[in-house]
Amino acid sequence: METNYFARLNQINVSDHLEKKGDFSYLSWPYAVTQLRLADPSAFWEVRRFDGLPYLKTEVGYFVEVAVTMQGLTLSQIHPVLDGKNRPIFEPTAFDINTSIQRCLVKAIALHGLGLYVYAGEDLPNGEVAPPKVTPLQSPRTITIGQQRFLERLLVEAGWEEARLLDYFGIQSTAELPMAEFDRAMKALQQAKRRAA
């Protein structure tokens, strides 16, 4: 039986390995690389070159690209060079380029499943506002916005009403789900999704 490495990596709760910079959460790149190599010791990555340089300069800013190969499947991610507030840097330093390469590496690994839920909501259409990161009623021990969006997507895919999940955990919204219960909720929804398929 062939192992589904995406499913294996996607099951890992990465929340304890997120680093906070300003309003943004990032998955630690050493942790992401470790999990990738534990899942597939032959996995590797490549920083793509543009005329020999590890970045591409455009009219709208600088970009980097990293390709990660796992189990023979290569997936790449392009990432802009951004400052601490996620704004483009028009005259980046070598450190800025390196930081963007590391973020890009983690996102390319996420395409293989590890921590993909962390990035849920990044692709909001223009004009749509993401919910606040933490409300006054929300404890730091509750799941992240990305985890909430991941669970909400699983609810739809499993054909469950949100009320069913809320009643089960005795909460008023997915934002109140304790971090310690995230894995259990995710596994229950993934099992329901498989049964519904």
N, C-alpha and C. Protein backbone atom coordinates (compact mmCIF):
# COMPACT_ATOMS: atom_id res chain seq x y z
N MET A 1 0.84 -1.19 0.00
CA MET A 1 0.00 0.00 0.00
C MET A 1 0.88 1.25 0.00
N GLU A 2 0.60 2.15 -0.90
CA GLU A 2 1.40 3.37 -1.04
C GLU A 2 1.03 4.38 0.04
N THR A 3 2.02 5.02 0.64
CA THR A 3 1.79 6.02 1.68
C THR A 3 1.42 7.35 1.06
N ASN A 4 0.41 8.00 1.61
CA ASN A 4 0.02 9.34 1.18
C ASN A 4 0.78 10.33 2.06
N TYR A 5 1.90 10.84 1.55
CA TYR A 5 2.74 11.73 2.35
C TYR A 5 2.06 13.07 2.60
N PHE A 6 1.24 13.54 1.66
CA PHE A 6 0.51 14.78 1.90
C PHE A 6 -0.39 14.61 3.12
N ALA A 7 -1.14 13.53 3.18
CA ALA A 7 -2.04 13.29 4.31
C ALA A 7 -1.24 13.18 5.61
N ARG A 8 -0.09 12.51 5.55
CA ARG A 8 0.74 12.35 6.75
C ARG A 8 1.23 13.71 7.26
N LEU A 9 1.76 14.53 6.36
CA LEU A 9 2.24 15.85 6.78
C LEU A 9 1.09 16.76 7.19
N ASN A 10 -0.05 16.63 6.53
CA ASN A 10 -1.19 17.49 6.81
C ASN A 10 -1.78 17.19 8.18
N GLN A 11 -1.53 16.02 8.74
CA GLN A 11 -2.04 15.64 10.06
C GLN A 11 -1.25 16.29 11.20
N ILE A 12 -0.07 16.80 10.91
CA ILE A 12 0.80 17.34 11.96
C ILE A 12 0.30 18.72 12.39
N ASN A 13 0.08 18.87 13.70
CA ASN A 13 -0.31 20.16 14.26
C ASN A 13 0.97 20.97 14.48
N VAL A 14 1.13 22.03 13.72
CA VAL A 14 2.35 22.83 13.76
C VAL A 14 2.24 24.04 14.68
N SER A 15 1.12 24.19 15.33
CA SER A 15 0.83 25.41 16.09
C SER A 15 1.89 25.76 17.13
N ASP A 16 2.48 24.75 17.75
CA ASP A 16 3.51 25.02 18.77
C ASP A 16 4.83 25.49 18.17
N HIS A 17 4.92 25.48 16.84
CA HIS A 17 6.17 25.86 16.17
C HIS A 17 6.01 27.14 15.35
N LEU A 18 4.92 27.86 15.58
CA LEU A 18 4.71 29.13 14.89
C LEU A 18 5.47 30.22 15.61
N GLU A 19 6.05 31.12 14.83
CA GLU A 19 6.73 32.28 15.39
C GLU A 19 5.91 33.49 15.03
N LYS A 20 5.83 34.43 15.95
CA LYS A 20 5.02 35.63 15.75
C LYS A 20 5.94 36.79 15.42
N LYS A 21 5.61 37.50 14.34
CA LYS A 21 6.33 38.73 13.99
C LYS A 21 5.28 39.76 13.65
N GLY A 22 5.08 40.71 14.56
CA GLY A 22 4.01 41.69 14.38
C GLY A 22 2.67 40.98 14.45
N ASP A 23 1.82 41.21 13.47
CA ASP A 23 0.50 40.58 13.42
C ASP A 23 0.51 39.24 12.69
N PHE A 24 1.66 38.78 12.25
CA PHE A 24 1.73 37.61 11.38
C PHE A 24 2.40 36.44 12.08
N SER A 25 1.93 35.25 11.76
CA SER A 25 2.51 34.02 12.28
C SER A 25 3.27 33.31 11.17
N TYR A 26 4.42 32.77 11.52
CA TYR A 26 5.26 32.06 10.56
C TYR A 26 5.65 30.73 11.16
N LEU A 27 5.69 29.72 10.33
CA LEU A 27 6.17 28.42 10.77
C LEU A 27 7.69 28.44 10.74
N SER A 28 8.30 27.96 11.78
CA SER A 28 9.75 27.90 11.89
C SER A 28 10.33 27.05 10.76
N TRP A 29 11.26 27.62 9.99
CA TRP A 29 11.80 26.86 8.86
C TRP A 29 12.61 25.63 9.28
N PRO A 30 13.38 25.68 10.39
CA PRO A 30 14.10 24.45 10.78
C PRO A 30 13.12 23.32 11.12
N TYR A 31 12.01 23.66 11.76
CA TYR A 31 11.01 22.65 12.09
C TYR A 31 10.40 22.08 10.80
N ALA A 32 10.05 22.95 9.86
CA ALA A 32 9.45 22.50 8.60
C ALA A 32 10.40 21.57 7.84
N VAL A 33 11.67 21.93 7.77
CA VAL A 33 12.66 21.10 7.08
C VAL A 33 12.81 19.76 7.80
N THR A 34 12.83 19.78 9.12
CA THR A 34 12.96 18.55 9.89
C THR A 34 11.80 17.61 9.60
N GLN A 35 10.57 18.13 9.63
CA GLN A 35 9.40 17.29 9.37
C GLN A 35 9.40 16.75 7.94
N LEU A 36 9.82 17.59 6.99
CA LEU A 36 9.91 17.16 5.60
C LEU A 36 10.87 15.99 5.47
N ARG A 37 12.06 16.13 6.06
CA ARG A 37 13.09 15.09 5.92
C ARG A 37 12.76 13.84 6.73
N LEU A 38 11.99 13.99 7.84
CA LEU A 38 11.54 12.80 8.57
C LEU A 38 10.54 12.00 7.73
N ALA A 39 9.69 12.73 6.99
CA ALA A 39 8.69 12.07 6.14
C ALA A 39 9.34 11.45 4.91
N ASP A 40 10.38 12.11 4.39
CA ASP A 40 11.06 11.63 3.19
C ASP A 40 12.52 12.05 3.25
N PRO A 41 13.41 11.16 3.71
CA PRO A 41 14.83 11.51 3.83
C PRO A 41 15.48 11.95 2.54
N SER A 42 14.89 11.58 1.40
CA SER A 42 15.46 11.97 0.12
C SER A 42 14.90 13.29 -0.41
N ALA A 43 14.00 13.92 0.35
CA ALA A 43 13.42 15.20 -0.09
C ALA A 43 14.52 16.26 -0.21
N PHE A 44 14.35 17.16 -1.18
CA PHE A 44 15.32 18.24 -1.35
C PHE A 44 14.62 19.48 -1.89
N TRP A 45 15.33 20.60 -1.87
CA TRP A 45 14.78 21.86 -2.35
C TRP A 45 15.83 22.61 -3.13
N GLU A 46 15.35 23.52 -3.93
CA GLU A 46 16.23 24.32 -4.78
C GLU A 46 15.73 25.75 -4.79
N VAL A 47 16.64 26.68 -4.56
CA VAL A 47 16.32 28.10 -4.73
C VAL A 47 16.50 28.40 -6.20
N ARG A 48 15.43 28.79 -6.85
CA ARG A 48 15.49 29.06 -8.29
C ARG A 48 16.31 30.32 -8.55
N ARG A 49 17.01 30.33 -9.67
CA ARG A 49 17.89 31.45 -10.05
C ARG A 49 17.29 32.20 -11.23
N PHE A 50 17.52 33.48 -11.24
CA PHE A 50 17.10 34.36 -12.32
C PHE A 50 18.34 35.08 -12.82
N ASP A 51 18.83 34.71 -13.98
CA ASP A 51 20.10 35.24 -14.50
C ASP A 51 21.21 35.09 -13.47
N GLY A 52 21.23 33.93 -12.80
CA GLY A 52 22.26 33.63 -11.82
C GLY A 52 22.00 34.17 -10.42
N LEU A 53 20.97 35.00 -10.24
CA LEU A 53 20.68 35.59 -8.94
C LEU A 53 19.53 34.85 -8.26
N PRO A 54 19.54 34.80 -6.90
CA PRO A 54 18.48 34.08 -6.19
C PRO A 54 17.20 34.91 -6.01
N TYR A 55 17.01 35.91 -6.83
CA TYR A 55 15.82 36.75 -6.76
C TYR A 55 15.52 37.31 -8.15
N LEU A 56 14.29 37.75 -8.30
CA LEU A 56 13.84 38.38 -9.54
C LEU A 56 13.40 39.79 -9.21
N LYS A 57 13.96 40.78 -9.90
CA LYS A 57 13.59 42.17 -9.70
C LYS A 57 12.56 42.53 -10.77
N THR A 58 11.41 43.09 -10.32
CA THR A 58 10.36 43.51 -11.24
C THR A 58 9.94 44.94 -10.91
N GLU A 59 9.02 45.46 -11.70
CA GLU A 59 8.51 46.82 -11.45
C GLU A 59 7.73 46.90 -10.15
N VAL A 60 7.18 45.78 -9.70
CA VAL A 60 6.36 45.81 -8.49
C VAL A 60 7.10 45.30 -7.25
N GLY A 61 8.35 44.92 -7.39
CA GLY A 61 9.13 44.46 -6.26
C GLY A 61 10.02 43.29 -6.61
N TYR A 62 10.62 42.72 -5.60
CA TYR A 62 11.51 41.58 -5.74
C TYR A 62 10.77 40.30 -5.35
N PHE A 63 11.15 39.19 -6.00
CA PHE A 63 10.53 37.90 -5.72
C PHE A 63 11.61 36.83 -5.64
N VAL A 64 11.31 35.78 -4.86
CA VAL A 64 12.15 34.60 -4.79
C VAL A 64 11.28 33.39 -5.10
N GLU A 65 11.91 32.30 -5.51
CA GLU A 65 11.16 31.07 -5.77
C GLU A 65 11.95 29.89 -5.23
N VAL A 66 11.24 28.99 -4.55
CA VAL A 66 11.85 27.77 -4.02
C VAL A 66 11.00 26.59 -4.48
N ALA A 67 11.67 25.55 -4.95
CA ALA A 67 11.00 24.32 -5.37
C ALA A 67 11.40 23.21 -4.40
N VAL A 68 10.41 22.48 -3.89
CA VAL A 68 10.65 21.37 -2.97
C VAL A 68 10.20 20.08 -3.65
N THR A 69 11.10 19.09 -3.64
CA THR A 69 10.79 17.79 -4.23
C THR A 69 10.68 16.77 -3.11
N MET A 70 9.52 16.10 -3.08
CA MET A 70 9.26 15.06 -2.09
C MET A 70 8.63 13.88 -2.82
N GLN A 71 9.17 12.70 -2.62
CA GLN A 71 8.65 11.50 -3.27
C GLN A 71 8.54 11.69 -4.79
N GLY A 72 9.48 12.41 -5.36
CA GLY A 72 9.52 12.61 -6.81
C GLY A 72 8.60 13.70 -7.32
N LEU A 73 7.80 14.32 -6.46
CA LEU A 73 6.89 15.38 -6.85
C LEU A 73 7.51 16.73 -6.49
N THR A 74 7.71 17.60 -7.50
CA THR A 74 8.28 18.92 -7.27
C THR A 74 7.17 19.96 -7.31
N LEU A 75 7.09 20.74 -6.23
CA LEU A 75 6.14 21.85 -6.14
C LEU A 75 6.92 23.10 -5.79
N SER A 76 6.60 24.21 -6.46
CA SER A 76 7.35 25.43 -6.20
C SER A 76 6.43 26.54 -5.71
N GLN A 77 7.03 27.45 -5.02
CA GLN A 77 6.32 28.60 -4.45
C GLN A 77 7.10 29.85 -4.80
N ILE A 78 6.39 30.88 -5.20
CA ILE A 78 7.01 32.19 -5.44
C ILE A 78 6.59 33.10 -4.30
N HIS A 79 7.52 33.86 -3.79
CA HIS A 79 7.25 34.70 -2.62
C HIS A 79 7.85 36.08 -2.83
N PRO A 80 7.09 37.14 -2.55
CA PRO A 80 7.66 38.48 -2.65
C PRO A 80 8.60 38.76 -1.48
N VAL A 81 9.54 39.65 -1.69
CA VAL A 81 10.43 40.08 -0.61
C VAL A 81 9.68 41.18 0.13
N LEU A 82 9.34 40.88 1.40
CA LEU A 82 8.47 41.77 2.19
C LEU A 82 9.16 42.22 3.47
N ASP A 83 8.67 43.34 4.00
CA ASP A 83 9.16 43.81 5.29
C ASP A 83 8.33 43.15 6.40
N GLY A 84 8.55 43.55 7.65
CA GLY A 84 7.86 42.99 8.80
C GLY A 84 6.37 43.24 8.82
N LYS A 85 5.90 44.14 7.97
CA LYS A 85 4.46 44.43 7.89
C LYS A 85 3.86 43.90 6.59
N ASN A 86 4.59 42.98 5.98
CA ASN A 86 4.17 42.35 4.72
C ASN A 86 3.97 43.34 3.58
N ARG A 87 4.85 44.33 3.52
CA ARG A 87 4.85 45.29 2.41
C ARG A 87 6.10 45.03 1.57
N PRO A 88 6.00 45.22 0.25
CA PRO A 88 7.17 44.98 -0.62
C PRO A 88 8.35 45.87 -0.24
N ILE A 89 9.54 45.30 -0.33
CA ILE A 89 10.78 46.05 -0.11
C ILE A 89 11.37 46.34 -1.49
N PHE A 90 11.57 47.59 -1.80
CA PHE A 90 12.04 47.94 -3.14
C PHE A 90 13.57 48.02 -3.24
N GLU A 91 14.26 48.05 -2.13
CA GLU A 91 15.72 48.00 -2.10
C GLU A 91 16.14 47.01 -1.00
N PRO A 92 15.93 45.70 -1.23
CA PRO A 92 16.20 44.73 -0.17
C PRO A 92 17.69 44.51 0.06
N THR A 93 18.00 44.14 1.30
CA THR A 93 19.36 43.74 1.67
C THR A 93 19.49 42.24 1.44
N ALA A 94 20.70 41.74 1.58
CA ALA A 94 20.92 40.29 1.47
C ALA A 94 20.12 39.55 2.55
N PHE A 95 20.01 40.16 3.72
CA PHE A 95 19.23 39.56 4.80
C PHE A 95 17.75 39.47 4.42
N ASP A 96 17.22 40.53 3.81
CA ASP A 96 15.81 40.53 3.37
C ASP A 96 15.57 39.41 2.36
N ILE A 97 16.49 39.24 1.42
CA ILE A 97 16.36 38.19 0.41
C ILE A 97 16.40 36.82 1.09
N ASN A 98 17.36 36.62 2.00
CA ASN A 98 17.48 35.35 2.70
C ASN A 98 16.22 35.05 3.52
N THR A 99 15.69 36.03 4.21
CA THR A 99 14.47 35.84 5.00
C THR A 99 13.32 35.41 4.10
N SER A 100 13.19 36.04 2.95
CA SER A 100 12.11 35.68 2.02
C SER A 100 12.31 34.28 1.46
N ILE A 101 13.56 33.89 1.22
CA ILE A 101 13.83 32.53 0.74
C ILE A 101 13.39 31.51 1.79
N GLN A 102 13.68 31.77 3.06
CA GLN A 102 13.29 30.84 4.13
C GLN A 102 11.76 30.76 4.24
N ARG A 103 11.07 31.90 4.15
CA ARG A 103 9.60 31.89 4.18
C ARG A 103 9.05 31.14 2.98
N CYS A 104 9.67 31.35 1.84
CA CYS A 104 9.24 30.68 0.61
C CYS A 104 9.45 29.17 0.72
N LEU A 105 10.56 28.76 1.32
CA LEU A 105 10.84 27.34 1.53
C LEU A 105 9.73 26.71 2.37
N VAL A 106 9.35 27.37 3.45
CA VAL A 106 8.29 26.83 4.33
C VAL A 106 6.97 26.73 3.57
N LYS A 107 6.67 27.73 2.75
CA LYS A 107 5.42 27.68 1.97
C LYS A 107 5.48 26.58 0.91
N ALA A 108 6.63 26.34 0.33
CA ALA A 108 6.75 25.26 -0.65
C ALA A 108 6.59 23.91 0.05
N ILE A 109 7.11 23.79 1.25
CA ILE A 109 6.90 22.56 2.03
C ILE A 109 5.42 22.42 2.37
N ALA A 110 4.76 23.53 2.68
CA ALA A 110 3.32 23.50 2.99
C ALA A 110 2.50 22.96 1.82
N LEU A 111 2.96 23.21 0.59
CA LEU A 111 2.26 22.66 -0.57
C LEU A 111 2.25 21.12 -0.54
N HIS A 112 3.21 20.54 0.18
CA HIS A 112 3.27 19.09 0.34
C HIS A 112 2.46 18.64 1.56
N GLY A 113 1.83 19.60 2.29
CA GLY A 113 0.92 19.25 3.37
C GLY A 113 1.25 19.82 4.73
N LEU A 114 2.50 20.07 5.06
CA LEU A 114 2.87 20.49 6.41
C LEU A 114 2.44 21.93 6.70
N GLY A 115 1.49 22.09 7.61
CA GLY A 115 1.09 23.43 8.04
C GLY A 115 0.32 24.22 6.99
N LEU A 116 -0.23 23.55 6.02
CA LEU A 116 -0.96 24.27 4.96
C LEU A 116 -2.08 25.11 5.54
N TYR A 117 -2.72 24.63 6.61
CA TYR A 117 -3.83 25.37 7.21
C TYR A 117 -3.40 26.73 7.77
N VAL A 118 -2.12 26.89 8.07
CA VAL A 118 -1.63 28.16 8.60
C VAL A 118 -1.88 29.30 7.61
N TYR A 119 -1.83 28.96 6.31
CA TYR A 119 -1.95 29.98 5.28
C TYR A 119 -3.37 30.17 4.78
N ALA A 120 -4.33 29.48 5.35
CA ALA A 120 -5.73 29.67 4.95
C ALA A 120 -6.11 31.12 5.21
N GLY A 121 -6.76 31.75 4.25
CA GLY A 121 -7.17 33.14 4.41
C GLY A 121 -6.22 34.12 3.75
N GLU A 122 -5.01 33.65 3.37
CA GLU A 122 -4.08 34.55 2.69
C GLU A 122 -4.61 34.99 1.34
N ASP A 123 -5.47 34.14 0.77
CA ASP A 123 -5.93 34.39 -0.58
C ASP A 123 -7.30 35.08 -0.61
N LEU A 124 -7.60 35.88 0.40
CA LEU A 124 -8.87 36.58 0.42
C LEU A 124 -8.97 37.53 -0.77
N PRO A 125 -10.13 37.57 -1.42
CA PRO A 125 -10.29 38.50 -2.55
C PRO A 125 -10.13 39.94 -2.08
N ASN A 126 -9.72 40.81 -3.00
CA ASN A 126 -9.58 42.23 -2.65
C ASN A 126 -10.89 42.74 -2.10
N GLY A 127 -10.81 43.50 -1.02
CA GLY A 127 -12.00 44.07 -0.42
C GLY A 127 -12.57 43.22 0.69
N GLU A 128 -12.24 41.93 0.72
CA GLU A 128 -12.74 41.07 1.80
C GLU A 128 -11.77 41.18 2.96
N VAL A 129 -12.30 41.34 4.13
CA VAL A 129 -11.47 41.54 5.31
C VAL A 129 -11.43 40.26 6.12
N ALA A 130 -10.25 39.86 6.51
CA ALA A 130 -10.11 38.67 7.35
C ALA A 130 -10.56 39.01 8.76
N PRO A 131 -11.08 38.04 9.50
CA PRO A 131 -11.48 38.30 10.88
C PRO A 131 -10.27 38.67 11.71
N PRO A 132 -10.46 39.38 12.83
CA PRO A 132 -9.33 39.76 13.66
C PRO A 132 -8.60 38.53 14.17
N LYS A 133 -7.30 38.68 14.38
CA LYS A 133 -6.48 37.56 14.82
C LYS A 133 -6.91 37.06 16.20
N VAL A 134 -7.12 37.96 17.15
CA VAL A 134 -7.54 37.57 18.49
C VAL A 134 -8.57 38.58 18.97
N THR A 135 -9.72 38.08 19.41
CA THR A 135 -10.75 38.96 19.96
C THR A 135 -10.58 38.99 21.46
N PRO A 136 -11.19 39.97 22.16
CA PRO A 136 -11.04 40.02 23.62
C PRO A 136 -11.52 38.74 24.30
N LEU A 137 -12.49 38.01 23.70
CA LEU A 137 -12.99 36.78 24.29
C LEU A 137 -12.15 35.57 23.92
N GLN A 138 -11.24 35.75 23.01
CA GLN A 138 -10.46 34.62 22.51
C GLN A 138 -9.16 34.50 23.30
N SER A 139 -8.91 33.34 23.82
CA SER A 139 -7.71 33.08 24.59
C SER A 139 -6.57 32.71 23.66
N PRO A 140 -5.31 33.01 24.02
CA PRO A 140 -4.19 32.58 23.20
C PRO A 140 -4.10 31.05 23.11
N ARG A 141 -4.83 30.34 23.96
CA ARG A 141 -4.82 28.88 23.94
C ARG A 141 -5.86 28.31 22.99
N THR A 142 -6.53 29.18 22.24
CA THR A 142 -7.49 28.71 21.26
C THR A 142 -6.80 28.61 19.90
N ILE A 143 -7.49 27.97 18.95
CA ILE A 143 -6.88 27.75 17.64
C ILE A 143 -6.68 29.07 16.90
N THR A 144 -5.81 29.04 15.92
CA THR A 144 -5.49 30.23 15.13
C THR A 144 -6.57 30.47 14.07
N ILE A 145 -6.54 31.63 13.47
CA ILE A 145 -7.47 31.96 12.38
C ILE A 145 -7.30 30.95 11.24
N GLY A 146 -6.07 30.61 10.91
CA GLY A 146 -5.82 29.63 9.85
C GLY A 146 -6.43 28.28 10.18
N GLN A 147 -6.30 27.85 11.44
CA GLN A 147 -6.89 26.57 11.84
C GLN A 147 -8.42 26.65 11.78
N GLN A 148 -8.98 27.81 12.16
CA GLN A 148 -10.44 27.98 12.06
C GLN A 148 -10.90 27.80 10.62
N ARG A 149 -10.22 28.48 9.71
CA ARG A 149 -10.61 28.38 8.29
C ARG A 149 -10.45 26.95 7.77
N PHE A 150 -9.42 26.26 8.23
CA PHE A 150 -9.21 24.88 7.82
C PHE A 150 -10.38 24.01 8.30
N LEU A 151 -10.77 24.17 9.58
CA LEU A 151 -11.89 23.40 10.11
C LEU A 151 -13.19 23.75 9.39
N GLU A 152 -13.40 25.02 9.09
CA GLU A 152 -14.61 25.43 8.39
C GLU A 152 -14.68 24.80 7.00
N ARG A 153 -13.54 24.70 6.33
CA ARG A 153 -13.50 24.06 5.02
C ARG A 153 -13.78 22.57 5.15
N LEU A 154 -13.22 21.92 6.21
CA LEU A 154 -13.48 20.50 6.44
C LEU A 154 -14.96 20.25 6.76
N LEU A 155 -15.58 21.17 7.49
CA LEU A 155 -17.01 21.04 7.79
C LEU A 155 -17.82 20.92 6.50
N VAL A 156 -17.52 21.81 5.56
CA VAL A 156 -18.23 21.80 4.28
C VAL A 156 -17.96 20.49 3.54
N GLU A 157 -16.68 20.10 3.47
CA GLU A 157 -16.31 18.89 2.74
C GLU A 157 -16.90 17.63 3.37
N ALA A 158 -17.07 17.64 4.71
CA ALA A 158 -17.63 16.48 5.40
C ALA A 158 -19.15 16.49 5.39
N GLY A 159 -19.74 17.63 4.99
CA GLY A 159 -21.19 17.74 4.97
C GLY A 159 -21.79 17.93 6.36
N TRP A 160 -21.01 18.44 7.29
CA TRP A 160 -21.49 18.67 8.65
C TRP A 160 -21.96 20.11 8.79
N GLU A 161 -22.95 20.30 9.63
CA GLU A 161 -23.36 21.65 10.04
C GLU A 161 -22.39 22.09 11.13
N GLU A 162 -22.04 23.37 11.13
CA GLU A 162 -21.11 23.87 12.14
C GLU A 162 -21.65 23.63 13.55
N ALA A 163 -22.98 23.73 13.71
CA ALA A 163 -23.60 23.55 15.03
C ALA A 163 -23.25 22.20 15.64
N ARG A 164 -23.11 21.19 14.80
CA ARG A 164 -22.78 19.84 15.29
C ARG A 164 -21.42 19.84 15.97
N LEU A 165 -20.44 20.47 15.35
CA LEU A 165 -19.10 20.55 15.92
C LEU A 165 -19.11 21.41 17.20
N LEU A 166 -19.81 22.53 17.15
CA LEU A 166 -19.86 23.43 18.30
C LEU A 166 -20.52 22.75 19.49
N ASP A 167 -21.62 22.05 19.25
CA ASP A 167 -22.31 21.33 20.33
C ASP A 167 -21.41 20.27 20.94
N TYR A 168 -20.70 19.54 20.09
CA TYR A 168 -19.85 18.47 20.57
C TYR A 168 -18.79 18.99 21.54
N PHE A 169 -18.19 20.14 21.19
CA PHE A 169 -17.13 20.70 22.04
C PHE A 169 -17.65 21.71 23.06
N GLY A 170 -18.97 21.99 23.04
CA GLY A 170 -19.55 22.91 24.01
C GLY A 170 -19.04 24.34 23.87
N ILE A 171 -18.91 24.79 22.63
CA ILE A 171 -18.41 26.14 22.36
C ILE A 171 -19.43 26.89 21.50
N GLN A 172 -19.27 28.21 21.43
CA GLN A 172 -20.19 29.05 20.66
C GLN A 172 -19.73 29.29 19.23
N SER A 173 -18.41 29.20 18.99
CA SER A 173 -17.86 29.41 17.65
C SER A 173 -16.55 28.62 17.53
N THR A 174 -16.12 28.40 16.29
CA THR A 174 -14.87 27.67 16.10
C THR A 174 -13.68 28.42 16.70
N ALA A 175 -13.81 29.75 16.82
CA ALA A 175 -12.73 30.55 17.40
C ALA A 175 -12.47 30.19 18.86
N GLU A 176 -13.44 29.57 19.52
CA GLU A 176 -13.31 29.20 20.93
C GLU A 176 -12.72 27.81 21.12
N LEU A 177 -12.49 27.08 20.03
CA LEU A 177 -11.98 25.72 20.16
C LEU A 177 -10.59 25.74 20.79
N PRO A 178 -10.40 25.02 21.89
CA PRO A 178 -9.08 24.98 22.51
C PRO A 178 -8.04 24.34 21.58
N MET A 179 -6.84 24.86 21.63
CA MET A 179 -5.75 24.34 20.81
C MET A 179 -5.58 22.84 21.06
N ALA A 180 -5.76 22.41 22.30
CA ALA A 180 -5.58 21.00 22.65
C ALA A 180 -6.61 20.10 21.97
N GLU A 181 -7.73 20.66 21.49
CA GLU A 181 -8.77 19.87 20.85
C GLU A 181 -8.71 19.93 19.32
N PHE A 182 -7.79 20.72 18.77
CA PHE A 182 -7.75 20.90 17.32
C PHE A 182 -7.54 19.58 16.58
N ASP A 183 -6.55 18.79 17.02
CA ASP A 183 -6.27 17.52 16.34
C ASP A 183 -7.49 16.60 16.34
N ARG A 184 -8.17 16.53 17.48
CA ARG A 184 -9.34 15.66 17.59
C ARG A 184 -10.45 16.12 16.65
N ALA A 185 -10.70 17.43 16.60
CA ALA A 185 -11.74 17.97 15.71
C ALA A 185 -11.37 17.72 14.26
N MET A 186 -10.10 17.96 13.90
CA MET A 186 -9.65 17.78 12.53
C MET A 186 -9.78 16.31 12.11
N LYS A 187 -9.37 15.39 12.97
CA LYS A 187 -9.44 13.97 12.64
C LYS A 187 -10.89 13.51 12.48
N ALA A 188 -11.78 13.99 13.36
CA ALA A 188 -13.19 13.61 13.27
C ALA A 188 -13.78 14.09 11.95
N LEU A 189 -13.45 15.31 11.55
CA LEU A 189 -13.99 15.85 10.30
C LEU A 189 -13.39 15.15 9.09
N GLN A 190 -12.11 14.80 9.15
CA GLN A 190 -11.50 14.09 8.03
C GLN A 190 -12.08 12.68 7.89
N GLN A 191 -12.38 12.03 9.01
CA GLN A 191 -13.03 10.72 8.95
C GLN A 191 -14.43 10.84 8.35
N ALA A 192 -15.17 11.87 8.79
CA ALA A 192 -16.52 12.10 8.25
C ALA A 192 -16.45 12.39 6.76
N LYS A 193 -15.44 13.13 6.34
CA LYS A 193 -15.28 13.44 4.92
C LYS A 193 -15.03 12.17 4.12
N ARG A 194 -14.17 11.27 4.65
CA ARG A 194 -13.89 10.01 3.95
C ARG A 194 -15.15 9.15 3.86
N ARG A 195 -15.94 9.12 4.95
CA ARG A 195 -17.18 8.35 4.93
C ARG A 195 -18.18 8.92 3.95
N ALA A 196 -18.18 10.26 3.82
CA ALA A 196 -19.13 10.92 2.92
C ALA A 196 -18.77 10.71 1.46
N ALA A 197 -17.48 10.43 1.18
CA ALA A 197 -17.01 10.27 -0.20
C ALA A 197 -17.45 8.98 -0.83
